[in-house]
Amino acid sequence: MLRITKKMLFAIEAVLDIAYHAGSEPVQSREITRRQGIPQRYLEQALQHLVRDDILVGVRGPRGGYRLARERRRIHVGDIVRSVRKMETGDDPLQNEDGSDLGQKVVRPLWSLIQDDVMKRLDATTIDDLCNAAIETGIESEGRKNLDFTI
């Protein structure tokens, strides 16, 4: 069952932070923690899952950090949600065979339809869409102000 969790919100915020604030250098997890207030213990675990699922790339070394694994217009919020759901444990009540006929044949199918609609919306929303929304709201990008295009 799809439910929003802290890990899911943190993972989406972290990927958005990397996309929005990335300059020429990889984004370090401590910078994400500073900007977003995400506890380090949640962040590192989520970042590693996102690397395994080819949403992010980890860059080693003293100036290492994280980069997007592909263009931000090719990363969908649904990709991040599915990645986080794999790392979360717990039973899905929709898959439980216990319950009444009304629950099994009416309520759970309704909930499944709603969940499908939400995932369609998340799959239609890219990280690029969220970056554009951040620009529209006036959030300043630390990465953009560090870029210098003068020759």
N, C-alpha and C. Protein backbone atom coordinates (compact mmCIF):
# COMPACT_ATOMS: atom_id res chain seq x y z
N MET A 1 0.85 -1.18 0.00
CA MET A 1 0.00 0.00 0.00
C MET A 1 0.90 1.24 0.00
N LEU A 2 0.52 2.20 -0.79
CA LEU A 2 1.29 3.43 -0.86
C LEU A 2 0.89 4.36 0.28
N ARG A 3 1.87 4.70 1.06
CA ARG A 3 1.66 5.70 2.10
C ARG A 3 2.93 6.52 2.18
N ILE A 4 2.78 7.77 2.43
CA ILE A 4 3.93 8.66 2.48
C ILE A 4 4.65 8.43 3.81
N THR A 5 5.94 8.28 3.76
CA THR A 5 6.74 8.08 4.96
C THR A 5 7.83 9.16 4.99
N LYS A 6 8.46 9.30 6.14
CA LYS A 6 9.57 10.25 6.24
C LYS A 6 10.67 9.89 5.25
N LYS A 7 10.99 8.59 5.15
CA LYS A 7 12.05 8.17 4.24
C LYS A 7 11.72 8.55 2.80
N MET A 8 10.45 8.39 2.43
CA MET A 8 10.04 8.71 1.07
C MET A 8 10.17 10.22 0.82
N LEU A 9 9.68 11.03 1.74
CA LEU A 9 9.81 12.48 1.60
C LEU A 9 11.27 12.90 1.55
N PHE A 10 12.08 12.34 2.45
CA PHE A 10 13.50 12.69 2.48
C PHE A 10 14.20 12.30 1.19
N ALA A 11 13.86 11.14 0.63
CA ALA A 11 14.49 10.69 -0.61
C ALA A 11 14.13 11.61 -1.77
N ILE A 12 12.87 11.99 -1.86
CA ILE A 12 12.45 12.91 -2.92
C ILE A 12 13.15 14.26 -2.75
N GLU A 13 13.18 14.77 -1.53
CA GLU A 13 13.85 16.04 -1.26
C GLU A 13 15.34 15.97 -1.58
N ALA A 14 15.97 14.84 -1.26
CA ALA A 14 17.41 14.70 -1.52
C ALA A 14 17.70 14.70 -3.01
N VAL A 15 16.93 13.96 -3.79
CA VAL A 15 17.15 13.94 -5.24
C VAL A 15 16.88 15.32 -5.83
N LEU A 16 15.82 15.96 -5.38
CA LEU A 16 15.52 17.31 -5.84
C LEU A 16 16.64 18.28 -5.46
N ASP A 17 17.15 18.16 -4.24
CA ASP A 17 18.26 19.01 -3.80
C ASP A 17 19.47 18.83 -4.71
N ILE A 18 19.81 17.59 -5.02
CA ILE A 18 20.96 17.31 -5.89
C ILE A 18 20.73 17.92 -7.26
N ALA A 19 19.53 17.75 -7.80
CA ALA A 19 19.23 18.29 -9.13
C ALA A 19 19.23 19.81 -9.13
N TYR A 20 18.72 20.41 -8.09
CA TYR A 20 18.53 21.85 -8.05
C TYR A 20 19.78 22.62 -7.66
N HIS A 21 20.56 22.05 -6.77
CA HIS A 21 21.72 22.76 -6.24
C HIS A 21 23.05 22.30 -6.83
N ALA A 22 23.02 21.29 -7.70
CA ALA A 22 24.28 20.78 -8.26
C ALA A 22 24.92 21.82 -9.15
N GLY A 23 26.18 22.00 -8.95
CA GLY A 23 26.98 22.84 -9.84
C GLY A 23 27.87 21.91 -10.64
N SER A 24 29.13 22.24 -10.71
CA SER A 24 30.07 21.40 -11.44
C SER A 24 30.59 20.25 -10.57
N GLU A 25 30.43 20.33 -9.28
CA GLU A 25 30.91 19.30 -8.35
C GLU A 25 29.74 18.44 -7.88
N PRO A 26 30.04 17.20 -7.47
CA PRO A 26 28.98 16.38 -6.86
C PRO A 26 28.47 17.03 -5.58
N VAL A 27 27.25 16.72 -5.21
CA VAL A 27 26.65 17.27 -4.00
C VAL A 27 26.94 16.33 -2.84
N GLN A 28 27.52 16.85 -1.79
CA GLN A 28 27.85 16.04 -0.62
C GLN A 28 26.63 15.92 0.29
N SER A 29 26.53 14.77 0.96
CA SER A 29 25.36 14.52 1.81
C SER A 29 25.26 15.54 2.94
N ARG A 30 26.39 16.02 3.45
CA ARG A 30 26.32 17.02 4.53
C ARG A 30 25.70 18.33 4.04
N GLU A 31 25.87 18.64 2.74
CA GLU A 31 25.25 19.84 2.17
C GLU A 31 23.73 19.66 2.08
N ILE A 32 23.30 18.46 1.73
CA ILE A 32 21.86 18.17 1.67
C ILE A 32 21.28 18.28 3.08
N THR A 33 21.99 17.72 4.06
CA THR A 33 21.54 17.80 5.45
C THR A 33 21.43 19.25 5.90
N ARG A 34 22.43 20.05 5.56
CA ARG A 34 22.41 21.47 5.95
C ARG A 34 21.22 22.20 5.32
N ARG A 35 21.01 21.99 4.04
CA ARG A 35 19.94 22.72 3.35
C ARG A 35 18.54 22.21 3.67
N GLN A 36 18.41 20.91 3.78
CA GLN A 36 17.07 20.32 3.92
C GLN A 36 16.72 19.89 5.34
N GLY A 37 17.71 19.82 6.21
CA GLY A 37 17.44 19.40 7.59
C GLY A 37 17.12 17.92 7.69
N ILE A 38 17.57 17.12 6.74
CA ILE A 38 17.31 15.68 6.76
C ILE A 38 18.35 15.03 7.67
N PRO A 39 17.90 14.25 8.64
CA PRO A 39 18.86 13.58 9.52
C PRO A 39 19.80 12.68 8.70
N GLN A 40 21.07 12.73 9.05
CA GLN A 40 22.10 11.99 8.31
C GLN A 40 21.80 10.49 8.24
N ARG A 41 21.26 9.92 9.32
CA ARG A 41 21.01 8.46 9.33
C ARG A 41 19.98 8.06 8.28
N TYR A 42 18.95 8.88 8.08
CA TYR A 42 17.96 8.59 7.03
C TYR A 42 18.56 8.84 5.66
N LEU A 43 19.30 9.91 5.56
CA LEU A 43 19.80 10.36 4.27
C LEU A 43 20.76 9.36 3.64
N GLU A 44 21.75 8.92 4.37
CA GLU A 44 22.75 8.00 3.80
C GLU A 44 22.11 6.70 3.34
N GLN A 45 21.19 6.17 4.13
CA GLN A 45 20.51 4.93 3.75
C GLN A 45 19.71 5.14 2.46
N ALA A 46 18.99 6.23 2.37
CA ALA A 46 18.19 6.51 1.17
C ALA A 46 19.08 6.74 -0.03
N LEU A 47 20.17 7.49 0.13
CA LEU A 47 21.06 7.77 -0.98
C LEU A 47 21.67 6.48 -1.55
N GLN A 48 22.04 5.56 -0.68
CA GLN A 48 22.62 4.31 -1.15
C GLN A 48 21.60 3.48 -1.95
N HIS A 49 20.36 3.47 -1.52
CA HIS A 49 19.31 2.77 -2.28
C HIS A 49 19.11 3.43 -3.64
N LEU A 50 19.13 4.74 -3.66
CA LEU A 50 18.94 5.47 -4.91
C LEU A 50 20.10 5.23 -5.87
N VAL A 51 21.29 5.03 -5.33
CA VAL A 51 22.45 4.68 -6.17
C VAL A 51 22.24 3.27 -6.75
N ARG A 52 21.83 2.33 -5.91
CA ARG A 52 21.60 0.96 -6.38
C ARG A 52 20.53 0.89 -7.46
N ASP A 53 19.56 1.79 -7.39
CA ASP A 53 18.46 1.78 -8.36
C ASP A 53 18.71 2.72 -9.54
N ASP A 54 19.96 3.16 -9.70
CA ASP A 54 20.38 3.98 -10.85
C ASP A 54 19.61 5.30 -10.97
N ILE A 55 19.28 5.87 -9.83
CA ILE A 55 18.70 7.21 -9.82
C ILE A 55 19.81 8.22 -9.54
N LEU A 56 20.75 7.82 -8.69
CA LEU A 56 21.92 8.64 -8.38
C LEU A 56 23.19 7.86 -8.69
N VAL A 57 24.28 8.59 -8.78
CA VAL A 57 25.61 8.02 -8.92
C VAL A 57 26.44 8.54 -7.75
N GLY A 58 27.11 7.63 -7.06
CA GLY A 58 28.00 8.04 -5.99
C GLY A 58 29.39 8.32 -6.55
N VAL A 59 29.97 9.44 -6.13
CA VAL A 59 31.31 9.82 -6.57
C VAL A 59 32.22 9.75 -5.35
N ARG A 60 33.26 8.92 -5.43
CA ARG A 60 34.17 8.74 -4.29
C ARG A 60 35.24 9.83 -4.27
N GLY A 61 35.87 9.94 -3.11
CA GLY A 61 36.99 10.85 -3.00
C GLY A 61 36.68 12.03 -2.10
N PRO A 62 37.69 12.85 -1.80
CA PRO A 62 37.51 13.97 -0.88
C PRO A 62 36.51 15.01 -1.39
N ARG A 63 36.36 15.13 -2.68
CA ARG A 63 35.38 16.07 -3.23
C ARG A 63 34.19 15.32 -3.81
N GLY A 64 34.01 14.11 -3.31
CA GLY A 64 32.94 13.24 -3.80
C GLY A 64 31.58 13.64 -3.28
N GLY A 65 30.61 12.89 -3.66
CA GLY A 65 29.23 13.15 -3.27
C GLY A 65 28.30 12.39 -4.19
N TYR A 66 27.24 13.04 -4.60
CA TYR A 66 26.23 12.39 -5.43
C TYR A 66 25.86 13.27 -6.61
N ARG A 67 25.58 12.61 -7.72
CA ARG A 67 25.07 13.25 -8.93
C ARG A 67 23.87 12.46 -9.39
N LEU A 68 23.07 13.07 -10.24
CA LEU A 68 21.97 12.34 -10.86
C LEU A 68 22.55 11.32 -11.83
N ALA A 69 21.93 10.15 -11.91
CA ALA A 69 22.41 9.10 -12.80
C ALA A 69 21.98 9.35 -14.25
N ARG A 70 20.98 10.17 -14.41
CA ARG A 70 20.51 10.54 -15.76
C ARG A 70 19.94 11.95 -15.69
N GLU A 71 19.57 12.49 -16.82
CA GLU A 71 19.02 13.85 -16.87
C GLU A 71 17.81 13.95 -15.95
N ARG A 72 17.66 15.13 -15.35
CA ARG A 72 16.56 15.30 -14.40
C ARG A 72 15.19 15.18 -15.05
N ARG A 73 15.10 15.39 -16.34
CA ARG A 73 13.81 15.21 -17.01
C ARG A 73 13.50 13.74 -17.25
N ARG A 74 14.47 12.88 -16.98
CA ARG A 74 14.28 11.43 -17.16
C ARG A 74 14.16 10.68 -15.83
N ILE A 75 14.13 11.43 -14.74
CA ILE A 75 13.91 10.83 -13.42
C ILE A 75 12.52 11.25 -12.96
N HIS A 76 11.69 10.27 -12.71
CA HIS A 76 10.31 10.54 -12.28
C HIS A 76 10.19 10.33 -10.77
N VAL A 77 9.31 11.07 -10.16
CA VAL A 77 9.10 10.92 -8.72
C VAL A 77 8.68 9.49 -8.41
N GLY A 78 7.93 8.86 -9.31
CA GLY A 78 7.53 7.46 -9.12
C GLY A 78 8.74 6.53 -9.00
N ASP A 79 9.83 6.82 -9.72
CA ASP A 79 11.05 6.02 -9.61
C ASP A 79 11.59 6.05 -8.19
N ILE A 80 11.59 7.24 -7.61
CA ILE A 80 12.12 7.42 -6.25
C ILE A 80 11.21 6.71 -5.25
N VAL A 81 9.90 6.85 -5.42
CA VAL A 81 8.95 6.22 -4.51
C VAL A 81 9.11 4.70 -4.54
N ARG A 82 9.25 4.12 -5.73
CA ARG A 82 9.43 2.67 -5.83
C ARG A 82 10.75 2.23 -5.17
N SER A 83 11.79 3.03 -5.33
CA SER A 83 13.08 2.70 -4.71
C SER A 83 12.96 2.68 -3.19
N VAL A 84 12.31 3.66 -2.63
CA VAL A 84 12.16 3.74 -1.17
C VAL A 84 11.24 2.63 -0.67
N ARG A 85 10.19 2.32 -1.41
CA ARG A 85 9.27 1.26 -0.99
C ARG A 85 9.98 -0.08 -0.88
N LYS A 86 10.99 -0.31 -1.72
CA LYS A 86 11.75 -1.56 -1.65
C LYS A 86 12.53 -1.67 -0.35
N MET A 87 12.98 -0.54 0.18
CA MET A 87 13.79 -0.59 1.39
C MET A 87 12.95 -0.58 2.66
N GLU A 88 11.69 -0.24 2.55
CA GLU A 88 10.82 -0.23 3.73
C GLU A 88 10.22 -1.60 3.92
N THR A 89 10.15 -2.01 5.16
CA THR A 89 9.56 -3.30 5.46
C THR A 89 8.18 -3.09 6.03
N GLY A 90 7.44 -4.14 6.04
CA GLY A 90 6.09 -4.07 6.58
C GLY A 90 5.12 -4.75 5.64
N ASP A 91 4.06 -5.20 6.20
CA ASP A 91 3.05 -5.90 5.42
C ASP A 91 2.16 -4.92 4.69
N ASP A 92 1.77 -5.28 3.50
CA ASP A 92 0.82 -4.49 2.73
C ASP A 92 -0.58 -4.99 3.06
N PRO A 93 -1.39 -4.18 3.73
CA PRO A 93 -2.72 -4.64 4.12
C PRO A 93 -3.60 -4.99 2.92
N LEU A 94 -3.31 -4.45 1.76
CA LEU A 94 -4.10 -4.78 0.58
C LEU A 94 -3.85 -6.22 0.13
N GLN A 95 -2.71 -6.77 0.49
CA GLN A 95 -2.37 -8.13 0.10
C GLN A 95 -2.82 -9.17 1.13
N ASN A 96 -3.24 -8.71 2.30
CA ASN A 96 -3.70 -9.60 3.35
C ASN A 96 -5.01 -10.25 2.95
N GLU A 97 -5.08 -11.55 3.11
CA GLU A 97 -6.29 -12.27 2.69
C GLU A 97 -7.38 -12.28 3.75
N ASP A 98 -7.09 -11.77 4.93
CA ASP A 98 -8.11 -11.72 5.98
C ASP A 98 -9.09 -10.60 5.68
N GLY A 99 -10.28 -10.73 6.23
CA GLY A 99 -11.25 -9.66 6.09
C GLY A 99 -12.57 -10.14 5.51
N SER A 100 -13.51 -9.24 5.53
CA SER A 100 -14.86 -9.56 5.06
C SER A 100 -14.95 -9.49 3.54
N ASP A 101 -16.07 -9.96 3.01
CA ASP A 101 -16.30 -9.86 1.58
C ASP A 101 -16.34 -8.39 1.14
N LEU A 102 -16.96 -7.52 1.94
CA LEU A 102 -17.00 -6.10 1.59
C LEU A 102 -15.59 -5.52 1.52
N GLY A 103 -14.77 -5.89 2.48
CA GLY A 103 -13.40 -5.40 2.49
C GLY A 103 -12.60 -5.92 1.31
N GLN A 104 -12.73 -7.22 1.04
CA GLN A 104 -11.97 -7.86 -0.04
C GLN A 104 -12.45 -7.45 -1.43
N LYS A 105 -13.74 -7.31 -1.60
CA LYS A 105 -14.30 -7.12 -2.95
C LYS A 105 -14.71 -5.69 -3.27
N VAL A 106 -14.78 -4.82 -2.25
CA VAL A 106 -15.22 -3.45 -2.51
C VAL A 106 -14.17 -2.42 -2.04
N VAL A 107 -13.80 -2.48 -0.76
CA VAL A 107 -12.92 -1.46 -0.20
C VAL A 107 -11.50 -1.59 -0.74
N ARG A 108 -10.92 -2.77 -0.73
CA ARG A 108 -9.54 -2.93 -1.19
C ARG A 108 -9.38 -2.63 -2.69
N PRO A 109 -10.31 -3.04 -3.54
CA PRO A 109 -10.18 -2.63 -4.94
C PRO A 109 -10.24 -1.12 -5.13
N LEU A 110 -11.08 -0.45 -4.35
CA LEU A 110 -11.14 1.01 -4.40
C LEU A 110 -9.79 1.60 -4.03
N TRP A 111 -9.23 1.09 -2.94
CA TRP A 111 -7.94 1.60 -2.48
C TRP A 111 -6.85 1.33 -3.51
N SER A 112 -6.91 0.19 -4.17
CA SER A 112 -5.93 -0.12 -5.21
C SER A 112 -6.04 0.84 -6.39
N LEU A 113 -7.27 1.19 -6.76
CA LEU A 113 -7.45 2.17 -7.84
C LEU A 113 -6.88 3.53 -7.47
N ILE A 114 -7.13 3.95 -6.24
CA ILE A 114 -6.59 5.23 -5.77
C ILE A 114 -5.07 5.20 -5.79
N GLN A 115 -4.49 4.10 -5.33
CA GLN A 115 -3.04 3.95 -5.32
C GLN A 115 -2.49 4.00 -6.75
N ASP A 116 -3.16 3.34 -7.69
CA ASP A 116 -2.74 3.38 -9.09
C ASP A 116 -2.78 4.80 -9.64
N ASP A 117 -3.82 5.55 -9.29
CA ASP A 117 -3.93 6.95 -9.75
C ASP A 117 -2.78 7.80 -9.20
N VAL A 118 -2.45 7.60 -7.94
CA VAL A 118 -1.36 8.36 -7.33
C VAL A 118 -0.04 8.02 -8.03
N MET A 119 0.21 6.74 -8.28
CA MET A 119 1.47 6.35 -8.94
C MET A 119 1.52 6.89 -10.37
N LYS A 120 0.40 6.94 -11.06
CA LYS A 120 0.39 7.53 -12.41
C LYS A 120 0.80 9.00 -12.35
N ARG A 121 0.31 9.70 -11.36
CA ARG A 121 0.66 11.11 -11.19
C ARG A 121 2.14 11.27 -10.85
N LEU A 122 2.65 10.41 -9.97
CA LEU A 122 4.06 10.47 -9.61
C LEU A 122 4.95 10.10 -10.80
N ASP A 123 4.49 9.15 -11.61
CA ASP A 123 5.25 8.77 -12.81
C ASP A 123 5.20 9.84 -13.89
N ALA A 124 4.23 10.72 -13.82
CA ALA A 124 4.12 11.80 -14.80
C ALA A 124 4.88 13.06 -14.35
N THR A 125 5.36 13.06 -13.13
CA THR A 125 6.08 14.22 -12.58
C THR A 125 7.57 13.91 -12.55
N THR A 126 8.35 14.76 -13.20
CA THR A 126 9.80 14.57 -13.23
C THR A 126 10.49 15.47 -12.21
N ILE A 127 11.73 15.16 -11.96
CA ILE A 127 12.55 16.02 -11.10
C ILE A 127 12.70 17.39 -11.77
N ASP A 128 12.74 17.41 -13.10
CA ASP A 128 12.80 18.68 -13.81
C ASP A 128 11.56 19.52 -13.52
N ASP A 129 10.38 18.90 -13.48
CA ASP A 129 9.15 19.61 -13.13
C ASP A 129 9.26 20.25 -11.74
N LEU A 130 9.82 19.49 -10.79
CA LEU A 130 9.96 20.01 -9.43
C LEU A 130 11.00 21.13 -9.37
N CYS A 131 12.07 21.00 -10.15
CA CYS A 131 13.07 22.08 -10.21
C CYS A 131 12.44 23.36 -10.77
N ASN A 132 11.64 23.22 -11.80
CA ASN A 132 10.95 24.38 -12.37
C ASN A 132 10.00 25.00 -11.36
N ALA A 133 9.32 24.17 -10.58
CA ALA A 133 8.44 24.69 -9.53
C ALA A 133 9.25 25.45 -8.48
N ALA A 134 10.44 24.95 -8.16
CA ALA A 134 11.30 25.65 -7.19
C ALA A 134 11.74 27.00 -7.73
N ILE A 135 12.07 27.05 -9.01
CA ILE A 135 12.45 28.32 -9.64
C ILE A 135 11.28 29.31 -9.57
N GLU A 136 10.08 28.82 -9.89
CA GLU A 136 8.89 29.68 -9.88
C GLU A 136 8.59 30.23 -8.49
N THR A 137 8.93 29.47 -7.45
CA THR A 137 8.66 29.96 -6.09
C THR A 137 9.76 30.86 -5.57
N GLY A 138 10.84 31.01 -6.35
CA GLY A 138 11.90 31.92 -5.96
C GLY A 138 12.97 31.32 -5.07
N ILE A 139 13.02 30.01 -4.95
CA ILE A 139 14.07 29.38 -4.15
C ILE A 139 15.39 29.52 -4.89
N GLU A 140 16.38 30.05 -4.22
CA GLU A 140 17.68 30.27 -4.84
C GLU A 140 18.48 28.97 -4.88
N SER A 141 19.11 28.72 -6.00
CA SER A 141 19.95 27.54 -6.17
C SER A 141 21.39 27.88 -5.84
N GLU A 142 21.98 27.16 -4.90
CA GLU A 142 23.37 27.40 -4.55
C GLU A 142 24.29 27.01 -5.69
N GLY A 143 23.93 26.00 -6.44
CA GLY A 143 24.76 25.55 -7.55
C GLY A 143 24.80 26.53 -8.70
N ARG A 144 23.67 27.15 -8.99
CA ARG A 144 23.61 28.10 -10.10
C ARG A 144 24.45 29.34 -9.84
N LYS A 145 24.48 29.81 -8.60
CA LYS A 145 25.26 31.02 -8.34
C LYS A 145 26.75 30.72 -8.32
N ASN A 146 27.14 29.44 -8.20
CA ASN A 146 28.55 29.07 -8.24
C ASN A 146 29.05 28.83 -9.66
N LEU A 147 28.14 28.78 -10.63
CA LEU A 147 28.57 28.58 -12.01
C LEU A 147 28.98 29.91 -12.62
N ASP A 148 30.05 29.90 -13.34
CA ASP A 148 30.56 31.12 -13.97
C ASP A 148 30.76 30.83 -15.44
N PHE A 149 30.03 31.53 -16.31
CA PHE A 149 30.08 31.28 -17.73
C PHE A 149 30.94 32.31 -18.47
N THR A 150 31.70 33.11 -17.77
CA THR A 150 32.54 34.10 -18.43
C THR A 150 33.77 33.43 -19.04
N ILE A 151 34.19 33.97 -20.17
CA ILE A 151 35.35 33.40 -20.88
C ILE A 151 36.44 34.47 -20.95
